[in-house]
Amino acid sequence: MRDSAEEEYVEYVTARVPALRRLAYVLTGDGHRADDLVQQTITTLYLKWPRARAAENIDAYVRTMLVRGYLDEKRLAWSKVRLFRQIPEPEPIEETGAEDRQVLRAALRRVPRQQRAVLVLRFFYDLPVEEVAAILGCSGGTVKSHTSRGLAALRRLLPPRIEVPR
C-alpha cells in the first residue's frame, strides 16, 4: 500500500474504531469478543483498502464486513470448541435496581445471532429494511421475518416493565 493510502487507512480506522466497537459489543454482548471482531474487521479492511475506499459509502461497507464477520464466526471450527462439559447458566438478571439497558442486553444475548444482527441494525442503527438486507445478503422479507421473530423472542425474555417495539 502506498504511503498516502496507508495514511488514509490509519486516519479512517482511528476515527471509526469506537463506532465499530459499539456495534460489535451490541452484537456479541462481550467486550473481549467485540475487540476480536473489530480487530478482524480492520485487518481485513487493510487488505481490501483499495476497494473499500472506492466504495460509495465506506461506513456501510465496513459495517457490512463487521456484521458478516460476526455471523460467519459461528461457522468457524474454533467456535465449536467447548471449555466446559455443560454450558454455564446465563447470568441471573437482578430485578432490584437493574437498569433497563442491562436487562435488554442480557435478553438480546439470548436471541439467535441472525435475529440479533437484524434487531441491532434495525433499531440500534435505525437502518431501513433494504439496507439491512444488503448488509446481510438476504431479501427484505427475510429481514422482516427476523425482525418479527426477534422482537417476539425479546418480548418472551424481558420482564413486563420493559416495552419492546411492536
Protein backbone atom coordinates (compact mmCIF):
# COMPACT_ATOMS: atom_id res chain seq x y z
CA MET A 1 0.00 0.00 0.00
CA ARG A 2 1.32 3.46 -0.84
CA ASP A 3 2.06 5.92 1.95
CA SER A 4 -0.91 8.17 1.14
CA ALA A 5 -3.31 5.22 1.04
CA GLU A 6 -1.90 3.88 4.28
CA GLU A 7 -2.32 7.28 5.92
CA GLU A 8 -5.96 7.38 4.76
CA TYR A 9 -6.50 3.90 6.20
CA VAL A 10 -4.97 4.83 9.57
CA GLU A 11 -6.98 8.04 9.69
CA TYR A 12 -10.23 6.26 8.83
CA VAL A 13 -9.70 3.41 11.30
CA THR A 14 -8.65 5.77 14.09
CA ALA A 15 -11.86 7.74 13.66
CA ARG A 16 -14.19 4.73 13.27
CA VAL A 17 -12.91 2.20 15.84
CA PRO A 18 -15.17 3.48 18.66
CA ALA A 19 -18.29 3.13 16.48
CA LEU A 20 -17.18 -0.29 15.23
CA ARG A 21 -16.55 -1.45 18.77
CA ARG A 22 -20.02 -0.26 19.86
CA LEU A 23 -21.62 -2.24 17.05
CA ALA A 24 -19.50 -5.31 17.81
CA TYR A 25 -20.32 -5.07 21.51
CA VAL A 26 -24.04 -4.80 20.92
CA LEU A 27 -23.87 -7.83 18.61
CA THR A 28 -21.68 -10.04 20.81
CA GLY A 29 -22.58 -8.83 24.29
CA ASP A 30 -18.95 -9.42 25.30
CA GLY A 31 -16.19 -6.81 25.32
CA HIS A 32 -13.41 -9.29 24.51
CA ARG A 33 -15.26 -10.84 21.59
CA ALA A 34 -16.17 -7.35 20.38
CA ASP A 35 -12.50 -6.36 20.39
CA ASP A 36 -11.58 -9.53 18.49
CA LEU A 37 -14.30 -8.87 15.92
CA VAL A 38 -13.18 -5.28 15.40
CA GLN A 39 -9.56 -6.39 15.07
CA GLN A 40 -10.54 -9.00 12.50
CA THR A 41 -12.58 -6.42 10.59
CA ILE A 42 -9.90 -3.74 10.47
CA THR A 43 -7.27 -6.31 9.49
CA THR A 44 -9.44 -7.45 6.59
CA LEU A 45 -10.14 -3.81 5.77
CA TYR A 46 -6.39 -3.16 5.49
CA LEU A 47 -6.11 -5.93 2.92
CA LYS A 48 -9.13 -4.63 0.99
CA TRP A 49 -8.48 -0.91 1.49
CA PRO A 50 -8.15 -0.01 -2.23
CA ARG A 51 -11.60 -1.49 -2.90
CA ALA A 52 -13.10 -0.14 0.32
CA ARG A 53 -12.02 3.45 -0.21
CA ALA A 54 -13.55 3.35 -3.69
CA ALA A 55 -16.92 2.32 -2.21
CA GLU A 56 -19.78 4.80 -2.41
CA ASN A 57 -20.39 4.60 1.36
CA ILE A 58 -17.29 3.34 3.16
CA ASP A 59 -19.01 3.23 6.57
CA ALA A 60 -21.71 0.92 5.21
CA TYR A 61 -19.01 -1.21 3.53
CA VAL A 62 -17.09 -1.64 6.79
CA ARG A 63 -20.28 -2.17 8.84
CA THR A 64 -21.22 -4.94 6.41
CA MET A 65 -17.78 -6.52 6.85
CA LEU A 66 -18.17 -6.48 10.63
CA VAL A 67 -21.71 -7.89 10.70
CA ARG A 68 -20.87 -10.64 8.22
CA GLY A 69 -17.75 -11.47 10.23
CA TYR A 70 -19.92 -11.77 13.31
CA LEU A 71 -22.41 -14.04 11.55
CA ASP A 72 -19.66 -16.18 9.98
CA GLU A 73 -17.87 -16.60 13.31
CA LYS A 74 -20.17 -19.47 14.31
CA ARG A 75 -19.20 -21.42 11.19
CA LEU A 76 -15.51 -21.49 12.11
CA ALA A 77 -14.09 -24.63 13.73
CA TRP A 78 -12.73 -22.88 16.83
CA SER A 79 -16.20 -21.65 17.77
CA LYS A 80 -17.24 -25.26 18.34
CA VAL A 81 -14.55 -25.82 21.00
CA ARG A 82 -16.10 -26.14 24.46
CA LEU A 83 -14.15 -25.39 27.61
CA PHE A 84 -16.87 -26.79 29.85
CA ARG A 85 -18.83 -30.03 29.76
CA GLN A 86 -22.02 -28.06 30.11
CA ILE A 87 -22.70 -24.54 29.00
CA PRO A 88 -22.73 -22.31 32.10
CA GLU A 89 -26.07 -20.92 33.08
CA PRO A 90 -26.68 -17.34 31.91
CA GLU A 91 -26.08 -14.64 34.47
CA PRO A 92 -29.19 -14.07 36.57
CA ILE A 93 -30.90 -10.77 35.98
CA GLU A 94 -31.31 -8.81 39.17
CA GLU A 95 -34.80 -7.36 39.33
CA THR A 96 -33.91 -4.82 42.02
CA GLY A 97 -32.02 -1.78 40.79
CA ALA A 98 -31.05 -3.25 37.41
CA GLU A 99 -31.05 -0.74 34.63
CA ASP A 100 -33.28 -1.46 31.68
CA ARG A 101 -30.25 -1.34 29.40
CA GLN A 102 -28.53 -4.22 31.22
CA VAL A 103 -31.71 -6.28 31.21
CA LEU A 104 -32.19 -5.63 27.50
CA ARG A 105 -28.57 -6.59 26.70
CA ALA A 106 -28.91 -9.82 28.66
CA ALA A 107 -32.10 -10.71 26.78
CA LEU A 108 -30.57 -9.72 23.43
CA ARG A 109 -27.66 -12.14 24.04
CA ARG A 110 -30.21 -14.96 24.18
CA VAL A 111 -31.78 -14.13 20.80
CA PRO A 112 -30.41 -16.14 17.81
CA ARG A 113 -27.47 -14.48 16.01
CA GLN A 114 -29.20 -13.62 12.73
CA GLN A 115 -32.20 -12.14 14.54
CA ARG A 116 -29.89 -10.26 16.92
CA ALA A 117 -27.98 -8.78 13.98
CA VAL A 118 -31.23 -7.65 12.35
CA LEU A 119 -32.55 -6.11 15.58
CA VAL A 120 -29.29 -4.25 16.22
CA LEU A 121 -29.10 -2.90 12.68
CA ARG A 122 -32.80 -2.00 12.53
CA PHE A 123 -33.30 -0.47 15.99
CA PHE A 124 -29.85 0.49 17.31
CA TYR A 125 -28.56 1.84 13.99
CA ASP A 126 -32.02 2.73 12.65
CA LEU A 127 -31.29 1.29 9.20
CA PRO A 128 -34.09 0.63 6.70
CA VAL A 129 -35.05 -2.91 5.73
CA GLU A 130 -33.39 -2.64 2.31
CA GLU A 131 -30.02 -1.60 3.77
CA VAL A 132 -30.10 -4.37 6.40
CA ALA A 133 -30.94 -6.86 3.65
CA ALA A 134 -27.95 -5.64 1.62
CA ILE A 135 -25.63 -5.94 4.62
CA LEU A 136 -26.79 -9.46 5.43
CA GLY A 137 -27.08 -10.58 1.82
CA CYS A 138 -30.71 -11.65 2.08
CA SER A 139 -34.13 -10.42 0.97
CA GLY A 140 -36.22 -7.71 2.60
CA GLY A 141 -38.80 -10.34 3.53
CA THR A 142 -36.16 -12.29 5.44
CA VAL A 143 -35.19 -9.16 7.34
CA LYS A 144 -38.85 -8.52 8.20
CA SER A 145 -39.38 -12.10 9.42
CA HIS A 146 -36.18 -12.00 11.50
CA THR A 147 -37.33 -8.68 12.96
CA SER A 148 -40.70 -10.12 13.87
CA ARG A 149 -39.27 -13.31 15.38
CA GLY A 150 -36.51 -11.43 17.21
CA LEU A 151 -38.96 -8.99 18.76
CA ALA A 152 -41.23 -11.87 19.79
CA ALA A 153 -38.26 -13.58 21.44
CA LEU A 154 -37.36 -10.38 23.29
CA ARG A 155 -40.94 -10.00 24.50
CA ARG A 156 -40.78 -13.51 25.97
CA LEU A 157 -37.40 -12.87 27.61
CA LEU A 158 -37.98 -9.39 29.02
CA PRO A 159 -39.90 -8.54 32.16
CA PRO A 160 -43.24 -6.80 31.50
CA ARG A 161 -41.95 -3.41 32.70
CA ILE A 162 -39.70 -3.08 29.62
CA GLU A 163 -41.56 -2.39 26.40
CA VAL A 164 -40.45 -3.91 23.11
CA PRO A 165 -41.42 -2.14 19.84
CA ARG A 166 -44.42 -3.57 18.02
